[in-house]
N, C-alpha and C. Protein backbone atom coordinates (compact mmCIF):
# COMPACT_ATOMS: atom_id res chain seq x y z
N MET A 1 0.85 -1.19 0.00
CA MET A 1 0.00 0.00 0.00
C MET A 1 0.88 1.24 0.00
N GLY A 2 0.68 2.17 -0.97
CA GLY A 2 1.57 3.29 -0.98
C GLY A 2 1.21 4.45 -1.88
N LYS A 3 0.76 4.20 -3.11
CA LYS A 3 0.55 5.29 -4.05
C LYS A 3 -0.84 5.91 -3.86
N VAL A 4 -0.85 7.21 -3.59
CA VAL A 4 -2.09 7.94 -3.36
C VAL A 4 -2.37 8.89 -4.52
N LYS A 5 -3.61 8.93 -4.95
CA LYS A 5 -3.99 9.84 -6.02
C LYS A 5 -5.42 10.33 -5.79
N ILE A 6 -5.63 11.61 -6.00
CA ILE A 6 -6.98 12.17 -6.00
C ILE A 6 -7.24 12.69 -7.41
N ARG A 7 -8.39 12.32 -7.95
CA ARG A 7 -8.73 12.76 -9.31
C ARG A 7 -10.23 12.96 -9.42
N LEU A 8 -10.63 13.54 -10.55
CA LEU A 8 -12.05 13.68 -10.84
C LEU A 8 -12.65 12.31 -11.14
N ALA A 9 -13.85 12.10 -10.65
CA ALA A 9 -14.54 10.83 -10.88
C ALA A 9 -15.00 10.71 -12.33
N LYS A 10 -15.18 9.47 -12.75
CA LYS A 10 -15.71 9.15 -14.08
C LYS A 10 -16.89 8.19 -13.90
N GLU A 11 -17.73 8.13 -14.91
CA GLU A 11 -18.86 7.20 -14.85
C GLU A 11 -18.39 5.76 -14.67
N THR A 12 -17.23 5.44 -15.21
CA THR A 12 -16.70 4.08 -15.10
C THR A 12 -16.26 3.74 -13.67
N ASP A 13 -16.23 4.73 -12.79
CA ASP A 13 -15.90 4.49 -11.38
C ASP A 13 -17.12 4.04 -10.59
N ALA A 14 -18.27 4.01 -11.22
CA ALA A 14 -19.53 3.83 -10.50
C ALA A 14 -19.54 2.59 -9.61
N GLU A 15 -19.05 1.46 -10.09
CA GLU A 15 -19.12 0.24 -9.29
C GLU A 15 -18.27 0.35 -8.03
N GLU A 16 -17.07 0.90 -8.16
CA GLU A 16 -16.21 1.04 -6.98
C GLU A 16 -16.78 2.05 -5.99
N ILE A 17 -17.33 3.14 -6.51
CA ILE A 17 -17.92 4.15 -5.62
C ILE A 17 -19.14 3.57 -4.91
N LEU A 18 -19.98 2.86 -5.66
CA LEU A 18 -21.17 2.27 -5.07
C LEU A 18 -20.82 1.22 -4.01
N ALA A 19 -19.71 0.52 -4.21
CA ALA A 19 -19.26 -0.47 -3.22
C ALA A 19 -18.93 0.20 -1.88
N ILE A 20 -18.42 1.43 -1.94
CA ILE A 20 -18.14 2.17 -0.71
C ILE A 20 -19.44 2.67 -0.08
N TYR A 21 -20.35 3.14 -0.92
CA TYR A 21 -21.60 3.73 -0.44
C TYR A 21 -22.57 2.69 0.13
N THR A 22 -22.57 1.49 -0.43
CA THR A 22 -23.56 0.48 -0.07
C THR A 22 -23.64 0.18 1.43
N PRO A 23 -22.52 -0.04 2.14
CA PRO A 23 -22.62 -0.31 3.58
C PRO A 23 -23.25 0.84 4.37
N TYR A 24 -23.07 2.06 3.89
CA TYR A 24 -23.69 3.20 4.56
C TYR A 24 -25.21 3.15 4.41
N ILE A 25 -25.68 2.61 3.29
CA ILE A 25 -27.12 2.46 3.08
C ILE A 25 -27.68 1.32 3.91
N THR A 26 -27.02 0.17 3.85
CA THR A 26 -27.57 -1.05 4.44
C THR A 26 -27.32 -1.17 5.95
N ASN A 27 -26.32 -0.46 6.46
CA ASN A 27 -25.93 -0.66 7.86
C ASN A 27 -26.03 0.57 8.75
N THR A 28 -26.30 1.75 8.16
CA THR A 28 -26.29 2.97 8.96
C THR A 28 -27.44 3.90 8.59
N ALA A 29 -27.62 4.92 9.42
CA ALA A 29 -28.56 6.00 9.12
C ALA A 29 -27.81 7.26 8.69
N ILE A 30 -26.54 7.10 8.34
CA ILE A 30 -25.76 8.24 7.85
C ILE A 30 -26.37 8.78 6.57
N THR A 31 -26.82 7.88 5.70
CA THR A 31 -27.64 8.27 4.56
C THR A 31 -29.06 7.79 4.80
N PHE A 32 -30.03 8.54 4.32
CA PHE A 32 -31.43 8.16 4.52
C PHE A 32 -31.98 7.34 3.37
N GLU A 33 -31.12 6.95 2.44
CA GLU A 33 -31.57 6.02 1.40
C GLU A 33 -31.85 4.66 2.05
N TYR A 34 -32.92 4.02 1.61
CA TYR A 34 -33.26 2.69 2.09
C TYR A 34 -32.67 1.60 1.20
N ASP A 35 -32.71 1.83 -0.11
CA ASP A 35 -32.34 0.79 -1.08
C ASP A 35 -31.09 1.18 -1.85
N VAL A 36 -30.24 0.18 -2.10
CA VAL A 36 -29.04 0.41 -2.90
C VAL A 36 -29.45 0.68 -4.34
N PRO A 37 -29.04 1.80 -4.92
CA PRO A 37 -29.42 2.10 -6.30
C PRO A 37 -28.79 1.12 -7.28
N ASN A 38 -29.46 0.89 -8.40
CA ASN A 38 -28.84 0.03 -9.42
C ASN A 38 -27.72 0.80 -10.10
N ILE A 39 -26.84 0.08 -10.75
CA ILE A 39 -25.62 0.69 -11.27
C ILE A 39 -25.93 1.71 -12.36
N SER A 40 -26.96 1.48 -13.15
CA SER A 40 -27.32 2.42 -14.21
C SER A 40 -27.75 3.76 -13.62
N ASP A 41 -28.61 3.71 -12.62
CA ASP A 41 -29.06 4.94 -11.97
C ASP A 41 -27.89 5.65 -11.29
N PHE A 42 -27.00 4.88 -10.70
CA PHE A 42 -25.86 5.48 -10.00
C PHE A 42 -24.92 6.17 -10.98
N LYS A 43 -24.72 5.56 -12.14
CA LYS A 43 -23.90 6.20 -13.18
C LYS A 43 -24.52 7.53 -13.61
N ASN A 44 -25.83 7.55 -13.71
CA ASN A 44 -26.51 8.79 -14.10
C ASN A 44 -26.35 9.87 -13.04
N ARG A 45 -26.35 9.46 -11.78
CA ARG A 45 -26.11 10.43 -10.71
C ARG A 45 -24.72 11.06 -10.87
N ILE A 46 -23.73 10.22 -11.09
CA ILE A 46 -22.36 10.71 -11.26
C ILE A 46 -22.27 11.64 -12.46
N LYS A 47 -22.87 11.23 -13.56
CA LYS A 47 -22.83 12.04 -14.79
C LYS A 47 -23.46 13.41 -14.56
N THR A 48 -24.59 13.44 -13.90
CA THR A 48 -25.29 14.70 -13.65
C THR A 48 -24.46 15.63 -12.79
N ILE A 49 -23.90 15.10 -11.71
CA ILE A 49 -23.09 15.93 -10.81
C ILE A 49 -21.84 16.43 -11.52
N CYS A 50 -21.18 15.56 -12.27
CA CYS A 50 -19.93 15.91 -12.94
C CYS A 50 -20.10 16.97 -14.02
N SER A 51 -21.32 17.20 -14.47
CA SER A 51 -21.55 18.21 -15.49
C SER A 51 -21.41 19.63 -14.94
N LYS A 52 -21.49 19.77 -13.62
CA LYS A 52 -21.43 21.11 -13.03
C LYS A 52 -20.47 21.22 -11.85
N TYR A 53 -20.42 20.18 -11.03
CA TYR A 53 -19.69 20.27 -9.77
C TYR A 53 -18.51 19.30 -9.72
N PRO A 54 -17.57 19.53 -8.79
CA PRO A 54 -16.49 18.56 -8.60
C PRO A 54 -17.00 17.28 -7.93
N TYR A 55 -16.62 16.16 -8.48
CA TYR A 55 -16.89 14.84 -7.91
C TYR A 55 -15.53 14.16 -7.88
N LEU A 56 -14.99 13.97 -6.69
CA LEU A 56 -13.62 13.51 -6.53
C LEU A 56 -13.54 12.12 -5.94
N VAL A 57 -12.55 11.37 -6.35
CA VAL A 57 -12.26 10.07 -5.76
C VAL A 57 -10.82 10.06 -5.27
N CYS A 58 -10.59 9.35 -4.18
CA CYS A 58 -9.24 9.14 -3.66
C CYS A 58 -8.88 7.68 -3.87
N LEU A 59 -7.74 7.45 -4.50
CA LEU A 59 -7.27 6.09 -4.77
C LEU A 59 -5.99 5.80 -4.00
N ILE A 60 -5.90 4.61 -3.49
CA ILE A 60 -4.65 4.09 -2.92
C ILE A 60 -4.30 2.84 -3.71
N ASP A 61 -3.15 2.88 -4.34
CA ASP A 61 -2.72 1.78 -5.21
C ASP A 61 -3.81 1.43 -6.22
N GLU A 62 -4.36 2.48 -6.86
CA GLU A 62 -5.34 2.35 -7.95
C GLU A 62 -6.72 1.88 -7.50
N LYS A 63 -6.95 1.76 -6.20
CA LYS A 63 -8.26 1.35 -5.70
C LYS A 63 -8.95 2.54 -5.04
N ILE A 64 -10.19 2.80 -5.41
CA ILE A 64 -10.94 3.91 -4.83
C ILE A 64 -11.29 3.57 -3.38
N VAL A 65 -10.89 4.45 -2.46
CA VAL A 65 -11.13 4.22 -1.03
C VAL A 65 -11.97 5.32 -0.39
N GLY A 66 -12.32 6.32 -1.17
CA GLY A 66 -13.16 7.39 -0.66
C GLY A 66 -13.57 8.33 -1.78
N TYR A 67 -14.65 9.04 -1.56
CA TYR A 67 -15.11 9.99 -2.58
C TYR A 67 -15.89 11.12 -1.92
N ALA A 68 -15.92 12.24 -2.61
CA ALA A 68 -16.68 13.40 -2.15
C ALA A 68 -17.17 14.16 -3.36
N TYR A 69 -18.29 14.81 -3.20
CA TYR A 69 -18.81 15.60 -4.32
C TYR A 69 -19.63 16.78 -3.80
N ALA A 70 -19.71 17.81 -4.63
CA ALA A 70 -20.60 18.93 -4.38
C ALA A 70 -21.87 18.73 -5.19
N HIS A 71 -22.94 19.36 -4.76
CA HIS A 71 -24.21 19.21 -5.47
C HIS A 71 -25.07 20.45 -5.24
N GLU A 72 -26.11 20.54 -6.01
CA GLU A 72 -27.03 21.68 -5.90
C GLU A 72 -27.64 21.74 -4.51
N HIS A 73 -27.62 22.92 -3.91
CA HIS A 73 -28.20 23.09 -2.57
C HIS A 73 -29.71 23.27 -2.64
N ASN A 74 -30.16 24.03 -3.63
CA ASN A 74 -31.58 24.28 -3.82
C ASN A 74 -31.80 24.68 -5.27
N GLU A 75 -32.91 24.29 -5.84
CA GLU A 75 -33.13 24.51 -7.27
C GLU A 75 -33.49 25.95 -7.62
N ARG A 76 -33.91 26.77 -6.65
CA ARG A 76 -34.28 28.15 -6.94
C ARG A 76 -33.05 28.96 -7.35
N THR A 77 -33.23 29.88 -8.30
CA THR A 77 -32.11 30.59 -8.91
C THR A 77 -31.27 31.36 -7.90
N ALA A 78 -31.89 31.98 -6.92
CA ALA A 78 -31.15 32.80 -5.96
C ALA A 78 -30.20 31.99 -5.10
N TYR A 79 -30.39 30.67 -5.06
CA TYR A 79 -29.51 29.79 -4.28
C TYR A 79 -28.29 29.32 -5.06
N GLN A 80 -28.12 29.77 -6.30
CA GLN A 80 -27.11 29.18 -7.18
C GLN A 80 -25.68 29.34 -6.66
N TRP A 81 -25.44 30.30 -5.76
CA TRP A 81 -24.09 30.50 -5.23
C TRP A 81 -23.80 29.61 -4.03
N ASN A 82 -24.70 28.69 -3.74
CA ASN A 82 -24.52 27.72 -2.67
C ASN A 82 -24.23 26.34 -3.25
N ALA A 83 -23.63 25.49 -2.43
CA ALA A 83 -23.46 24.08 -2.80
C ALA A 83 -23.57 23.23 -1.56
N GLY A 84 -24.11 22.03 -1.73
CA GLY A 84 -24.09 21.04 -0.67
C GLY A 84 -22.91 20.11 -0.88
N LEU A 85 -22.48 19.45 0.17
CA LEU A 85 -21.35 18.52 0.09
C LEU A 85 -21.74 17.17 0.65
N SER A 86 -21.16 16.12 0.06
CA SER A 86 -21.31 14.75 0.57
C SER A 86 -19.97 14.06 0.49
N ILE A 87 -19.69 13.20 1.47
CA ILE A 87 -18.41 12.50 1.50
C ILE A 87 -18.60 11.12 2.13
N TYR A 88 -17.94 10.12 1.55
CA TYR A 88 -17.98 8.76 2.07
C TYR A 88 -16.60 8.14 1.90
N VAL A 89 -16.14 7.46 2.94
CA VAL A 89 -14.82 6.83 2.94
C VAL A 89 -14.96 5.37 3.34
N ASP A 90 -14.24 4.51 2.66
CA ASP A 90 -14.19 3.10 3.03
C ASP A 90 -13.80 2.98 4.50
N GLU A 91 -14.58 2.21 5.25
CA GLU A 91 -14.39 2.11 6.70
C GLU A 91 -12.96 1.72 7.07
N LYS A 92 -12.30 0.96 6.22
CA LYS A 92 -10.93 0.51 6.52
C LYS A 92 -9.91 1.64 6.43
N PHE A 93 -10.32 2.78 5.88
CA PHE A 93 -9.36 3.87 5.64
C PHE A 93 -9.76 5.18 6.31
N VAL A 94 -10.67 5.11 7.27
CA VAL A 94 -11.18 6.35 7.87
C VAL A 94 -10.13 7.08 8.71
N SER A 95 -9.05 6.41 9.08
CA SER A 95 -8.01 7.05 9.90
C SER A 95 -6.85 7.61 9.07
N CYS A 96 -7.02 7.63 7.76
CA CYS A 96 -5.92 8.04 6.87
C CYS A 96 -6.02 9.48 6.39
N LYS A 97 -6.93 10.25 6.99
CA LYS A 97 -7.11 11.66 6.63
C LYS A 97 -7.58 11.85 5.17
N ILE A 98 -8.26 10.85 4.66
CA ILE A 98 -8.79 10.94 3.30
C ILE A 98 -9.87 12.01 3.22
N GLY A 99 -10.69 12.10 4.25
CA GLY A 99 -11.72 13.13 4.27
C GLY A 99 -11.13 14.53 4.21
N ILE A 100 -10.06 14.75 4.95
CA ILE A 100 -9.39 16.05 4.93
C ILE A 100 -8.84 16.35 3.54
N ALA A 101 -8.22 15.35 2.93
CA ALA A 101 -7.63 15.55 1.59
C ALA A 101 -8.71 15.86 0.55
N LEU A 102 -9.81 15.11 0.59
CA LEU A 102 -10.89 15.33 -0.37
C LEU A 102 -11.55 16.69 -0.18
N TYR A 103 -11.82 17.05 1.07
CA TYR A 103 -12.47 18.33 1.33
C TYR A 103 -11.55 19.50 1.00
N ASN A 104 -10.27 19.35 1.27
CA ASN A 104 -9.31 20.40 0.93
C ASN A 104 -9.38 20.70 -0.58
N SER A 105 -9.46 19.64 -1.37
CA SER A 105 -9.55 19.78 -2.83
C SER A 105 -10.87 20.40 -3.25
N ILE A 106 -11.94 19.85 -2.75
CA ILE A 106 -13.26 20.23 -3.26
C ILE A 106 -13.59 21.68 -2.91
N ILE A 107 -13.17 22.12 -1.72
CA ILE A 107 -13.43 23.51 -1.32
C ILE A 107 -12.64 24.47 -2.20
N ASP A 108 -11.38 24.15 -2.47
CA ASP A 108 -10.57 25.02 -3.32
C ASP A 108 -11.14 25.12 -4.74
N ILE A 109 -11.65 24.01 -5.26
CA ILE A 109 -12.25 24.03 -6.60
C ILE A 109 -13.54 24.85 -6.60
N LEU A 110 -14.36 24.68 -5.57
CA LEU A 110 -15.61 25.43 -5.50
C LEU A 110 -15.37 26.93 -5.40
N LYS A 111 -14.29 27.33 -4.77
CA LYS A 111 -13.95 28.76 -4.74
C LYS A 111 -13.69 29.27 -6.15
N LEU A 112 -13.01 28.47 -6.96
CA LEU A 112 -12.76 28.85 -8.36
C LEU A 112 -14.05 28.95 -9.16
N GLN A 113 -15.06 28.22 -8.73
CA GLN A 113 -16.36 28.25 -9.42
C GLN A 113 -17.23 29.42 -8.95
N ASN A 114 -16.73 30.19 -7.99
CA ASN A 114 -17.43 31.35 -7.42
C ASN A 114 -18.57 30.98 -6.48
N ILE A 115 -18.53 29.77 -5.95
CA ILE A 115 -19.47 29.38 -4.90
C ILE A 115 -19.17 30.20 -3.64
N GLN A 116 -20.23 30.62 -2.95
CA GLN A 116 -20.08 31.47 -1.76
C GLN A 116 -20.29 30.73 -0.44
N ASN A 117 -21.24 29.81 -0.43
CA ASN A 117 -21.62 29.14 0.82
C ASN A 117 -21.71 27.63 0.63
N LEU A 118 -21.31 26.90 1.67
CA LEU A 118 -21.40 25.44 1.65
C LEU A 118 -22.33 24.97 2.76
N TYR A 119 -23.09 23.92 2.47
CA TYR A 119 -24.03 23.38 3.44
C TYR A 119 -23.90 21.86 3.50
N VAL A 120 -24.00 21.34 4.70
CA VAL A 120 -23.88 19.90 4.92
C VAL A 120 -24.94 19.46 5.92
N SER A 121 -25.58 18.34 5.64
CA SER A 121 -26.53 17.73 6.57
C SER A 121 -25.90 16.47 7.15
N ILE A 122 -25.91 16.35 8.47
CA ILE A 122 -25.28 15.22 9.15
C ILE A 122 -26.28 14.58 10.10
N THR A 123 -26.54 13.30 9.92
CA THR A 123 -27.40 12.58 10.85
C THR A 123 -26.74 12.56 12.22
N SER A 124 -27.51 12.87 13.25
CA SER A 124 -26.99 12.92 14.62
C SER A 124 -27.27 11.62 15.36
N PRO A 125 -26.24 11.09 16.09
CA PRO A 125 -24.87 11.60 16.21
C PRO A 125 -23.97 11.01 15.13
N ASN A 126 -22.92 11.75 14.79
CA ASN A 126 -21.87 11.26 13.89
C ASN A 126 -20.60 12.05 14.22
N ILE A 127 -19.93 11.63 15.27
CA ILE A 127 -18.80 12.39 15.81
C ILE A 127 -17.70 12.58 14.78
N LYS A 128 -17.39 11.54 14.01
CA LYS A 128 -16.30 11.66 13.02
C LYS A 128 -16.62 12.72 11.98
N SER A 129 -17.85 12.72 11.49
CA SER A 129 -18.23 13.71 10.49
C SER A 129 -18.28 15.11 11.08
N GLU A 130 -18.79 15.23 12.30
CA GLU A 130 -18.83 16.53 12.96
C GLU A 130 -17.41 17.09 13.10
N ARG A 131 -16.47 16.26 13.51
CA ARG A 131 -15.10 16.72 13.70
C ARG A 131 -14.46 17.13 12.37
N LEU A 132 -14.73 16.36 11.31
CA LEU A 132 -14.19 16.71 10.00
C LEU A 132 -14.68 18.10 9.58
N HIS A 133 -15.96 18.34 9.72
CA HIS A 133 -16.50 19.62 9.28
C HIS A 133 -16.07 20.77 10.19
N GLN A 134 -15.95 20.52 11.47
CA GLN A 134 -15.45 21.55 12.37
C GLN A 134 -13.99 21.88 12.05
N HIS A 135 -13.23 20.89 11.62
CA HIS A 135 -11.84 21.11 11.21
C HIS A 135 -11.77 22.14 10.08
N PHE A 136 -12.75 22.13 9.20
CA PHE A 136 -12.78 23.05 8.07
C PHE A 136 -13.58 24.32 8.35
N GLY A 137 -13.98 24.51 9.60
CA GLY A 137 -14.64 25.75 9.97
C GLY A 137 -16.14 25.79 9.75
N PHE A 138 -16.76 24.64 9.51
CA PHE A 138 -18.21 24.61 9.41
C PHE A 138 -18.82 24.88 10.79
N LYS A 139 -19.93 25.60 10.79
CA LYS A 139 -20.63 25.93 12.03
C LYS A 139 -22.03 25.33 12.01
N LEU A 140 -22.44 24.82 13.16
CA LEU A 140 -23.80 24.30 13.29
C LEU A 140 -24.79 25.47 13.18
N CYS A 141 -25.75 25.35 12.27
CA CYS A 141 -26.71 26.44 12.09
C CYS A 141 -28.15 26.00 12.33
N GLY A 142 -28.37 24.73 12.65
CA GLY A 142 -29.72 24.30 12.93
C GLY A 142 -29.83 22.79 13.05
N ILE A 143 -30.95 22.33 13.55
CA ILE A 143 -31.21 20.90 13.70
C ILE A 143 -32.65 20.61 13.28
N TYR A 144 -32.81 19.62 12.41
CA TYR A 144 -34.13 19.07 12.12
C TYR A 144 -34.34 17.92 13.11
N HIS A 145 -35.32 18.06 13.96
CA HIS A 145 -35.56 17.03 14.98
C HIS A 145 -36.49 15.94 14.44
N ASN A 146 -36.10 14.68 14.69
CA ASN A 146 -36.94 13.54 14.31
C ASN A 146 -37.41 13.64 12.85
N THR A 147 -36.47 13.93 11.97
CA THR A 147 -36.83 14.21 10.58
C THR A 147 -36.68 13.03 9.64
N GLY A 148 -35.94 11.99 10.05
CA GLY A 148 -35.75 10.82 9.20
C GLY A 148 -36.01 9.54 9.96
N TYR A 149 -36.74 8.61 9.34
CA TYR A 149 -37.05 7.33 9.99
C TYR A 149 -36.34 6.22 9.26
N LYS A 150 -35.46 5.52 9.97
CA LYS A 150 -34.72 4.42 9.37
C LYS A 150 -34.34 3.43 10.46
N PHE A 151 -34.41 2.15 10.13
CA PHE A 151 -34.07 1.07 11.07
C PHE A 151 -34.86 1.17 12.38
N GLY A 152 -36.13 1.54 12.25
CA GLY A 152 -37.02 1.53 13.41
C GLY A 152 -36.85 2.69 14.36
N SER A 153 -36.12 3.73 13.95
CA SER A 153 -35.90 4.88 14.83
C SER A 153 -36.02 6.19 14.05
N TRP A 154 -36.40 7.24 14.77
CA TRP A 154 -36.40 8.59 14.23
C TRP A 154 -35.05 9.23 14.50
N HIS A 155 -34.56 9.97 13.52
CA HIS A 155 -33.22 10.56 13.63
C HIS A 155 -33.25 12.07 13.42
N ASP A 156 -32.43 12.76 14.21
CA ASP A 156 -32.22 14.19 14.00
C ASP A 156 -31.17 14.40 12.92
N VAL A 157 -31.24 15.53 12.25
CA VAL A 157 -30.23 15.91 11.26
C VAL A 157 -29.69 17.29 11.61
N MET A 158 -28.38 17.38 11.74
CA MET A 158 -27.71 18.65 12.03
C MET A 158 -27.34 19.35 10.72
N LEU A 159 -27.54 20.64 10.68
CA LEU A 159 -27.21 21.44 9.50
C LEU A 159 -25.97 22.28 9.79
N PHE A 160 -24.97 22.15 8.95
CA PHE A 160 -23.73 22.92 9.10
C PHE A 160 -23.54 23.82 7.89
N GLU A 161 -22.92 24.98 8.11
CA GLU A 161 -22.65 25.90 7.01
C GLU A 161 -21.24 26.45 7.11
N LYS A 162 -20.72 26.86 5.96
CA LYS A 162 -19.40 27.49 5.89
C LYS A 162 -19.41 28.50 4.75
N TYR A 163 -18.91 29.70 5.04
CA TYR A 163 -18.73 30.70 3.99
C TYR A 163 -17.37 30.50 3.35
N ILE A 164 -17.33 30.45 2.02
CA ILE A 164 -16.04 30.37 1.32
C ILE A 164 -15.85 31.55 0.36
N GLY A 165 -16.85 32.45 0.32
CA GLY A 165 -16.77 33.63 -0.52
C GLY A 165 -16.92 34.89 0.30
N THR A 166 -16.90 36.03 -0.36
CA THR A 166 -16.97 37.33 0.31
C THR A 166 -18.33 37.99 0.17
N HIS A 167 -19.26 37.35 -0.48
CA HIS A 167 -20.62 37.85 -0.66
C HIS A 167 -20.65 39.26 -1.25
N PRO A 168 -20.07 39.44 -2.44
CA PRO A 168 -20.06 40.76 -3.07
C PRO A 168 -21.46 41.21 -3.48
N ILE A 169 -21.63 42.52 -3.60
CA ILE A 169 -22.93 43.07 -4.00
C ILE A 169 -23.37 42.51 -5.34
N LYS A 170 -22.40 42.38 -6.26
CA LYS A 170 -22.68 41.79 -7.58
C LYS A 170 -21.79 40.55 -7.75
N PRO A 171 -22.27 39.40 -7.32
CA PRO A 171 -21.44 38.19 -7.39
C PRO A 171 -21.16 37.77 -8.83
N ASN A 172 -19.98 37.20 -9.03
CA ASN A 172 -19.63 36.67 -10.34
C ASN A 172 -20.51 35.47 -10.68
N TYR A 173 -20.69 35.24 -11.96
CA TYR A 173 -21.51 34.10 -12.38
C TYR A 173 -20.85 32.79 -11.95
N ILE A 174 -21.66 31.78 -11.77
CA ILE A 174 -21.15 30.47 -11.36
C ILE A 174 -20.55 29.75 -12.56
N LYS A 175 -19.33 29.30 -12.41
CA LYS A 175 -18.68 28.51 -13.45
C LYS A 175 -18.96 27.04 -13.19
N THR A 176 -19.12 26.28 -14.25
CA THR A 176 -19.21 24.83 -14.08
C THR A 176 -17.80 24.27 -13.93
N ILE A 177 -17.70 23.06 -13.47
CA ILE A 177 -16.40 22.41 -13.33
C ILE A 177 -15.69 22.34 -14.68
N LYS A 178 -16.46 22.26 -15.75
CA LYS A 178 -15.87 22.18 -17.10
C LYS A 178 -15.19 23.48 -17.51
N GLN A 179 -15.55 24.59 -16.86
CA GLN A 179 -14.99 25.89 -17.20
C GLN A 179 -13.74 26.25 -16.39
N ILE A 180 -13.37 25.39 -15.47
CA ILE A 180 -12.19 25.64 -14.65
C ILE A 180 -10.97 25.06 -15.34
N ASP A 181 -9.88 25.81 -15.33
CA ASP A 181 -8.64 25.37 -15.97
C ASP A 181 -8.20 24.02 -15.42
N THR A 182 -8.00 23.06 -16.29
CA THR A 182 -7.63 21.71 -15.85
C THR A 182 -6.29 21.67 -15.12
N LYS A 183 -5.40 22.58 -15.48
CA LYS A 183 -4.10 22.63 -14.79
C LYS A 183 -4.27 23.10 -13.35
N GLU A 184 -5.18 24.06 -13.14
CA GLU A 184 -5.45 24.52 -11.78
C GLU A 184 -6.03 23.39 -10.94
N ILE A 185 -6.95 22.64 -11.54
CA ILE A 185 -7.54 21.51 -10.82
C ILE A 185 -6.48 20.47 -10.50
N ALA A 186 -5.63 20.15 -11.46
CA ALA A 186 -4.58 19.15 -11.25
C ALA A 186 -3.65 19.56 -10.12
N THR A 187 -3.31 20.84 -10.05
CA THR A 187 -2.43 21.34 -8.99
C THR A 187 -3.08 21.17 -7.62
N ILE A 188 -4.36 21.51 -7.54
CA ILE A 188 -5.10 21.37 -6.29
C ILE A 188 -5.14 19.91 -5.85
N LEU A 189 -5.46 19.02 -6.77
CA LEU A 189 -5.60 17.60 -6.44
C LEU A 189 -4.26 17.00 -6.02
N GLU A 190 -3.21 17.36 -6.72
CA GLU A 190 -1.89 16.82 -6.39
C GLU A 190 -1.45 17.28 -5.01
N LYS A 191 -1.67 18.54 -4.71
CA LYS A 191 -1.29 19.08 -3.40
C LYS A 191 -2.08 18.41 -2.28
N SER A 192 -3.37 18.22 -2.49
CA SER A 192 -4.22 17.63 -1.46
C SER A 192 -3.91 16.16 -1.23
N SER A 193 -3.47 15.47 -2.27
CA SER A 193 -3.15 14.04 -2.12
C SER A 193 -2.04 13.82 -1.10
N LEU A 194 -1.21 14.83 -0.89
CA LEU A 194 -0.11 14.72 0.07
C LEU A 194 -0.61 14.72 1.51
N LEU A 195 -1.87 15.10 1.71
CA LEU A 195 -2.44 15.14 3.06
C LEU A 195 -2.86 13.76 3.56
N VAL A 196 -3.00 12.80 2.66
CA VAL A 196 -3.38 11.44 3.06
C VAL A 196 -2.23 10.81 3.82
N LYS A 197 -2.55 10.22 4.95
CA LYS A 197 -1.54 9.59 5.81
C LYS A 197 -1.80 8.09 5.88
N LEU A 198 -0.99 7.32 5.20
CA LEU A 198 -1.17 5.87 5.19
C LEU A 198 -0.64 5.26 6.48
N LEU A 199 -1.39 4.30 6.99
CA LEU A 199 -1.00 3.65 8.25
C LEU A 199 -0.07 2.48 8.00
């Protein structure tokens, strides 16, 4: 185990990404999905996100061990300067700072896209996720009480926010991931990959 790489996800990564996501669906309330999506639907999810936002995977020795992506926060036009974030890491690698490396990359890319605010929903309790987001300066801004029912229990969801822009009077238009210089993205990803600490 040794070679670390962070790169943009591709539709062909769908099976490996879904393999990481599946235990979170079947064994936890971290995600509120009940059923594992079929591979075709999951590929479409990746394709849709990749058309506008960063969708990143972290590989160790060519195997995907974690992923993170940004997504639309709300469909109304005035919300376009916001993004939501999601992140999942293979349980065997949660102590390798993969979450820090992925978030470091994704936040820097979103700044280039002129995103101003980030939002994350975390099922309570989830100490590891709370600590990751607090590390990056996310602040708790609210709680939905008893908002999700899974595995015979009602669950609270914590809402976290982080400002990454300056909120100008006339904000710049939002760039898609396709409009960002590929060399800038490569530099960000290469730098962030150095943050992964292999055990």
